[in-house]
Amino acid sequence: MAQSKLKARQRRHARVRKNVSGTADKPRLVVFKSLSHIYAQLIDDATGKTLIAASTTEKTVKTGLKHGGNVEAAKKVGASIAERALGKNIKKVVFDRGGYQYHGCVKALADAAREKGLDF
């Protein structure tokens, strides 16, 4: 069961990735979540480099959280990646939900990033 869910998510992600790619001016904001943590990266697909990353495994984000895989944690990760992006003069991004539903943690991360000033 777990393997088929993973394969289904990977197929959905591949479908999204056909149409979504990031550049240096407008990088791709990628979300990955596990049961324990949530991760976000800004990726420049032209060069294949990760520009900025944030996750619940970092001490700065982890403080004050009971669990790293819930909506509250996603909000902190979204705010953290937005602040770091604005620090590097990145204001526009392309959102890649990673094959997950735009609901719950993924939506919370996106909303928090928008509130802090990212445009997508």
Protein backbone atom coordinates (compact mmCIF):
# COMPACT_ATOMS: atom_id res chain seq x y z
CA MET A 1 0.00 0.00 0.00
CA ALA A 2 2.71 2.47 0.98
CA GLN A 3 4.68 1.73 -2.17
CA SER A 4 1.67 2.31 -4.43
CA LYS A 5 0.91 5.63 -2.68
CA LEU A 6 4.51 6.70 -3.24
CA LYS A 7 4.40 5.71 -6.90
CA ALA A 8 1.13 7.60 -7.38
CA ARG A 9 2.60 10.77 -5.81
CA GLN A 10 5.69 10.47 -8.00
CA ARG A 11 3.49 10.17 -11.11
CA ARG A 12 1.51 13.26 -10.08
CA HIS A 13 4.76 15.14 -9.43
CA ALA A 14 6.12 14.17 -12.85
CA ARG A 15 2.93 15.50 -14.46
CA VAL A 16 3.32 18.82 -12.66
CA ARG A 17 7.04 19.03 -13.46
CA LYS A 18 6.36 18.81 -17.22
CA ASN A 19 4.92 22.32 -17.04
CA VAL A 20 6.73 23.90 -14.07
CA SER A 21 10.39 24.91 -14.10
CA GLY A 22 12.35 27.56 -12.30
CA THR A 23 14.90 30.10 -13.51
CA ALA A 24 17.37 32.29 -11.67
CA ASP A 25 14.84 35.17 -11.78
CA LYS A 26 11.85 33.04 -10.82
CA PRO A 27 12.98 29.86 -9.02
CA ARG A 28 10.78 26.86 -8.27
CA LEU A 29 9.52 26.56 -4.69
CA VAL A 30 9.42 22.80 -4.04
CA VAL A 31 7.63 21.18 -1.09
CA PHE A 32 8.43 17.74 0.31
CA LYS A 33 6.79 16.35 3.40
CA SER A 34 7.19 13.25 5.47
CA LEU A 35 5.27 12.20 8.55
CA SER A 36 7.86 13.84 10.81
CA HIS A 37 9.10 16.88 8.87
CA ILE A 38 8.36 19.31 6.04
CA TYR A 39 10.99 20.70 3.68
CA ALA A 40 10.99 23.56 1.15
CA GLN A 41 13.61 24.54 -1.43
CA LEU A 42 14.04 27.25 -4.04
CA ILE A 43 15.61 25.63 -7.10
CA ASP A 44 17.03 27.13 -10.29
CA ASP A 45 16.31 24.42 -12.87
CA ALA A 46 18.46 26.07 -15.55
CA THR A 47 21.62 25.34 -13.54
CA GLY A 48 20.22 22.56 -11.35
CA LYS A 49 21.18 24.34 -8.12
CA THR A 50 19.32 24.77 -4.86
CA LEU A 51 19.36 28.47 -4.01
CA ILE A 52 17.67 28.40 -0.59
CA ALA A 53 16.33 25.65 1.67
CA ALA A 54 14.32 25.52 4.90
CA SER A 55 12.95 22.63 6.91
CA THR A 56 11.73 21.62 10.33
CA THR A 57 15.01 19.84 10.99
CA GLU A 58 16.78 23.21 11.46
CA LYS A 59 17.18 24.56 14.99
CA THR A 60 15.87 28.01 14.07
CA VAL A 61 12.60 26.61 12.70
CA LYS A 62 12.26 23.76 15.20
CA THR A 63 12.13 25.97 18.32
CA GLY A 64 8.68 26.07 19.86
CA LEU A 65 7.29 23.19 17.81
CA LYS A 66 6.03 19.95 19.35
CA HIS A 67 5.96 18.10 16.02
CA GLY A 68 7.60 18.88 12.68
CA GLY A 69 4.98 17.42 10.37
CA ASN A 70 1.89 19.50 11.12
CA VAL A 71 0.31 22.73 9.84
CA GLU A 72 2.01 24.93 12.45
CA ALA A 73 5.41 23.61 11.37
CA ALA A 74 4.54 24.21 7.72
CA LYS A 75 3.68 27.84 8.48
CA LYS A 76 7.06 28.35 10.14
CA VAL A 77 8.90 26.76 7.20
CA GLY A 78 6.95 28.92 4.70
CA ALA A 79 7.75 32.09 6.62
CA SER A 80 11.40 31.10 6.97
CA ILE A 81 11.93 30.38 3.28
CA ALA A 82 10.17 33.62 2.31
CA GLU A 83 12.40 35.69 4.60
CA ARG A 84 15.53 34.02 3.21
CA ALA A 85 14.35 34.55 -0.38
CA LEU A 86 13.63 38.22 0.20
CA GLY A 87 17.10 38.51 1.75
CA LYS A 88 18.53 37.36 -1.61
CA ASN A 89 16.19 39.71 -3.59
CA ILE A 90 13.96 36.89 -4.85
CA LYS A 91 10.35 38.04 -4.88
CA LYS A 92 8.70 35.85 -7.53
CA VAL A 93 8.65 32.07 -7.49
CA VAL A 94 6.87 29.20 -9.23
CA PHE A 95 5.11 26.87 -6.77
CA ASP A 96 5.64 23.11 -7.08
CA ARG A 97 3.46 21.17 -4.67
CA GLY A 98 5.44 17.99 -5.25
CA GLY A 99 2.48 15.80 -6.17
CA TYR A 100 0.72 16.48 -2.87
CA GLN A 101 -2.80 17.90 -2.60
CA TYR A 102 -2.92 21.67 -2.20
CA HIS A 103 -4.44 21.23 1.23
CA GLY A 104 -3.30 21.17 4.85
CA CYS A 105 0.47 21.49 5.27
CA VAL A 106 1.17 22.38 1.65
CA LYS A 107 -1.46 25.14 1.65
CA ALA A 108 -0.25 26.46 5.02
CA LEU A 109 3.34 26.67 3.76
CA ALA A 110 2.25 28.50 0.60
CA ASP A 111 0.02 30.95 2.50
CA ALA A 112 2.76 31.75 5.01
CA ALA A 113 5.24 32.39 2.20
CA ARG A 114 2.73 34.70 0.47
CA GLU A 115 2.08 36.60 3.70
CA LYS A 116 5.81 37.24 4.13
CA GLY A 117 6.07 38.72 0.63
CA LEU A 118 6.70 36.00 -1.96
CA ASP A 119 4.67 36.33 -5.14
CA PHE A 120 3.32 33.20 -6.86
